[in-house]
Amino acid sequence: MAEPLDRYDAELTTPEMVILEMDAVDKLDATSQLAERMHAAGRISDLPGFLRHVNAREHQLATGLPGGVGLPHARSEFVSRTTIAVGITKYGKALDFGAADGPATVVLLIATPASSFSEHLEVLATLARSLSKESFRESLRRAYDPEVIAELINSSLVFFDH
């Protein structure tokens, strides 16, 4: 059963779900690496099943955002609670997520339970708003500490003023 999102206790990501210096050959590889972290944390019950959902979503519409961000995401029955894994690519590496302005150096994989449609949209919209700010994207890129990155992501979702 999916846990409801409590916006004041949002531990949507943890330092263990952050990959610094991510070295991925393409967006599927990046998504797999991030999903493996979610699976290891016990937030995804079926890794191949979840990746099928992410890849199916990726084929519907590109998930690249302006400013060098990839935002792959899926709702899935294999997700126990809303989770975000973060990858910051290795210097000089970037991944094509289909954004008009070029490849991504910051990748955020969002996993939400299949039953949580409104929560999925809320997390996506809130993160997209934060990521539209150059200062937020740069904070993620420059924070060479998984704890700082996790805190940036979690606080952007908790304190966002609707």
Protein backbone atom coordinates (compact mmCIF):
# COMPACT_ATOMS: atom_id res chain seq x y z
CA MET A 1 0.00 0.00 0.00
CA ALA A 2 1.33 3.42 -0.93
CA GLU A 3 2.15 5.88 1.84
CA PRO A 4 0.53 9.31 1.46
CA LEU A 5 2.82 12.26 0.85
CA ASP A 6 3.35 14.38 3.94
CA ARG A 7 4.77 17.64 2.63
CA TYR A 8 6.24 18.55 6.03
CA ASP A 9 8.11 15.29 6.42
CA ALA A 10 9.20 14.82 2.84
CA GLU A 11 12.13 12.47 2.66
CA LEU A 12 11.56 11.89 -1.01
CA THR A 13 15.24 11.40 -1.54
CA THR A 14 18.14 10.43 0.69
CA PRO A 15 21.90 10.74 0.24
CA GLU A 16 21.96 7.04 -0.75
CA MET A 17 19.79 7.88 -3.76
CA VAL A 18 22.19 10.52 -5.09
CA ILE A 19 24.86 9.61 -7.64
CA LEU A 20 27.69 12.11 -8.00
CA GLU A 21 29.94 11.88 -11.04
CA MET A 22 27.38 9.65 -12.76
CA ASP A 23 28.93 7.99 -15.78
CA ALA A 24 26.09 6.74 -17.99
CA VAL A 25 26.20 5.88 -21.69
CA ASP A 26 22.66 7.15 -22.36
CA LYS A 27 19.40 8.10 -20.65
CA LEU A 28 18.35 4.45 -20.23
CA ASP A 29 21.60 3.66 -18.46
CA ALA A 30 21.20 6.72 -16.22
CA THR A 31 17.62 5.80 -15.39
CA SER A 32 18.68 2.22 -14.58
CA GLN A 33 21.47 3.39 -12.25
CA LEU A 34 19.08 5.70 -10.39
CA ALA A 35 16.31 3.08 -10.20
CA GLU A 36 18.82 0.59 -8.73
CA ARG A 37 19.38 3.03 -5.86
CA MET A 38 15.62 3.20 -5.25
CA HIS A 39 15.38 -0.60 -5.34
CA ALA A 40 18.28 -0.94 -2.89
CA ALA A 41 16.46 1.47 -0.54
CA GLY A 42 13.37 -0.75 -0.65
CA ARG A 43 11.19 1.78 -2.43
CA ILE A 44 10.75 -0.28 -5.61
CA SER A 45 9.73 -3.93 -5.41
CA ASP A 46 10.35 -4.96 -9.04
CA LEU A 47 13.26 -3.17 -10.73
CA PRO A 48 12.71 -4.50 -14.30
CA GLY A 49 8.96 -3.86 -14.02
CA PHE A 50 9.49 -0.28 -12.87
CA LEU A 51 12.06 0.38 -15.61
CA ARG A 52 9.53 -0.83 -18.20
CA HIS A 53 7.11 1.82 -16.92
CA VAL A 54 9.77 4.55 -17.01
CA ASN A 55 10.86 3.59 -20.53
CA ALA A 56 7.26 3.46 -21.76
CA ARG A 57 6.71 6.97 -20.38
CA GLU A 58 9.96 8.15 -21.95
CA HIS A 59 8.74 6.97 -25.38
CA GLN A 60 5.54 9.03 -25.07
CA LEU A 61 7.21 12.41 -24.67
CA ALA A 62 10.72 13.69 -24.04
CA THR A 63 11.46 14.41 -20.38
CA GLY A 64 14.27 16.91 -20.88
CA LEU A 65 13.82 20.35 -19.35
CA PRO A 66 15.61 23.56 -20.36
CA GLY A 67 18.85 24.22 -18.53
CA GLY A 68 20.38 20.74 -18.77
CA VAL A 69 17.87 18.69 -16.77
CA GLY A 70 16.46 15.22 -17.40
CA LEU A 71 13.27 14.40 -15.49
CA PRO A 72 12.33 10.78 -16.25
CA HIS A 73 9.32 9.66 -14.23
CA ALA A 74 6.64 7.01 -13.88
CA ARG A 75 3.74 5.97 -11.74
CA SER A 76 3.98 2.26 -11.02
CA GLU A 77 2.46 -0.44 -8.84
CA PHE A 78 6.07 -1.44 -8.04
CA VAL A 79 6.66 1.83 -6.10
CA SER A 80 5.92 1.77 -2.36
CA ARG A 81 6.29 5.52 -1.77
CA THR A 82 7.07 8.61 -3.79
CA THR A 83 10.81 8.75 -4.33
CA ILE A 84 13.32 10.86 -6.22
CA ALA A 85 16.81 9.70 -7.16
CA VAL A 86 19.32 12.27 -8.39
CA GLY A 87 22.27 11.90 -10.73
CA ILE A 88 24.83 14.61 -11.43
CA THR A 89 26.83 13.61 -14.49
CA LYS A 90 30.58 13.33 -14.52
CA TYR A 91 32.31 16.50 -15.72
CA GLY A 92 32.16 16.72 -19.50
CA LYS A 93 29.34 14.15 -19.76
CA ALA A 94 25.76 14.96 -20.69
CA LEU A 95 22.75 12.82 -21.60
CA ASP A 96 20.10 13.44 -24.25
CA PHE A 97 16.64 13.59 -22.69
CA GLY A 98 15.18 15.42 -25.69
CA ALA A 99 15.30 19.00 -24.41
CA ALA A 100 15.34 21.63 -27.15
CA ASP A 101 18.36 23.41 -25.63
CA GLY A 102 20.57 20.33 -25.38
CA PRO A 103 21.55 17.41 -23.13
CA ALA A 104 21.22 17.04 -19.37
CA THR A 105 23.86 17.12 -16.65
CA VAL A 106 21.31 16.81 -13.82
CA VAL A 107 18.94 13.82 -13.88
CA LEU A 108 16.08 13.38 -11.42
CA LEU A 109 14.16 10.11 -11.57
CA ILE A 110 10.72 10.39 -10.00
CA ALA A 111 8.86 7.25 -8.92
CA THR A 112 5.34 7.43 -7.54
CA PRO A 113 2.85 4.72 -6.64
CA ALA A 114 0.36 3.90 -9.39
CA SER A 115 -2.56 5.07 -7.26
CA SER A 116 -1.16 8.55 -6.59
CA PHE A 117 -2.02 10.51 -9.73
CA SER A 118 -2.44 13.92 -8.06
CA GLU A 119 0.69 13.46 -5.95
CA HIS A 120 2.67 12.54 -9.07
CA LEU A 121 1.55 15.74 -10.82
CA GLU A 122 2.21 17.85 -7.73
CA VAL A 123 5.76 16.55 -7.33
CA LEU A 124 6.47 16.97 -11.06
CA ALA A 125 5.08 20.50 -11.18
CA THR A 126 6.84 21.62 -8.01
CA LEU A 127 10.18 20.19 -9.09
CA ALA A 128 9.82 21.67 -12.58
CA ARG A 129 9.22 25.11 -11.03
CA SER A 130 12.31 24.80 -8.83
CA LEU A 131 14.37 23.49 -11.75
CA SER A 132 13.31 26.42 -13.94
CA LYS A 133 15.50 28.61 -11.72
CA GLU A 134 19.14 28.73 -12.79
CA SER A 135 20.23 29.24 -9.17
CA PHE A 136 18.56 25.99 -8.09
CA ARG A 137 20.09 23.99 -10.97
CA GLU A 138 23.53 25.43 -10.20
CA SER A 139 23.14 24.62 -6.50
CA LEU A 140 22.53 20.98 -7.44
CA ARG A 141 25.49 20.88 -9.83
CA ARG A 142 27.90 22.52 -7.39
CA ALA A 143 26.92 20.62 -4.25
CA TYR A 144 29.51 17.85 -4.21
CA ASP A 145 27.79 16.25 -1.25
CA PRO A 146 24.87 13.80 -1.53
CA GLU A 147 23.43 15.06 1.78
CA VAL A 148 23.28 18.64 0.50
CA ILE A 149 21.67 17.54 -2.77
CA ALA A 150 19.07 15.43 -0.95
CA GLU A 151 18.28 18.38 1.34
CA LEU A 152 17.93 20.76 -1.64
CA ILE A 153 15.45 18.42 -3.33
CA ASN A 154 13.47 17.63 -0.19
CA SER A 155 13.25 21.27 0.93
CA SER A 156 12.18 22.44 -2.54
CA LEU A 157 9.16 20.15 -2.23
CA VAL A 158 8.33 20.91 1.39
CA PHE A 159 8.61 24.69 1.35
CA PHE A 160 7.32 25.46 -2.12
CA ASP A 161 4.67 28.18 -1.84
CA HIS A 162 1.67 27.26 -4.01
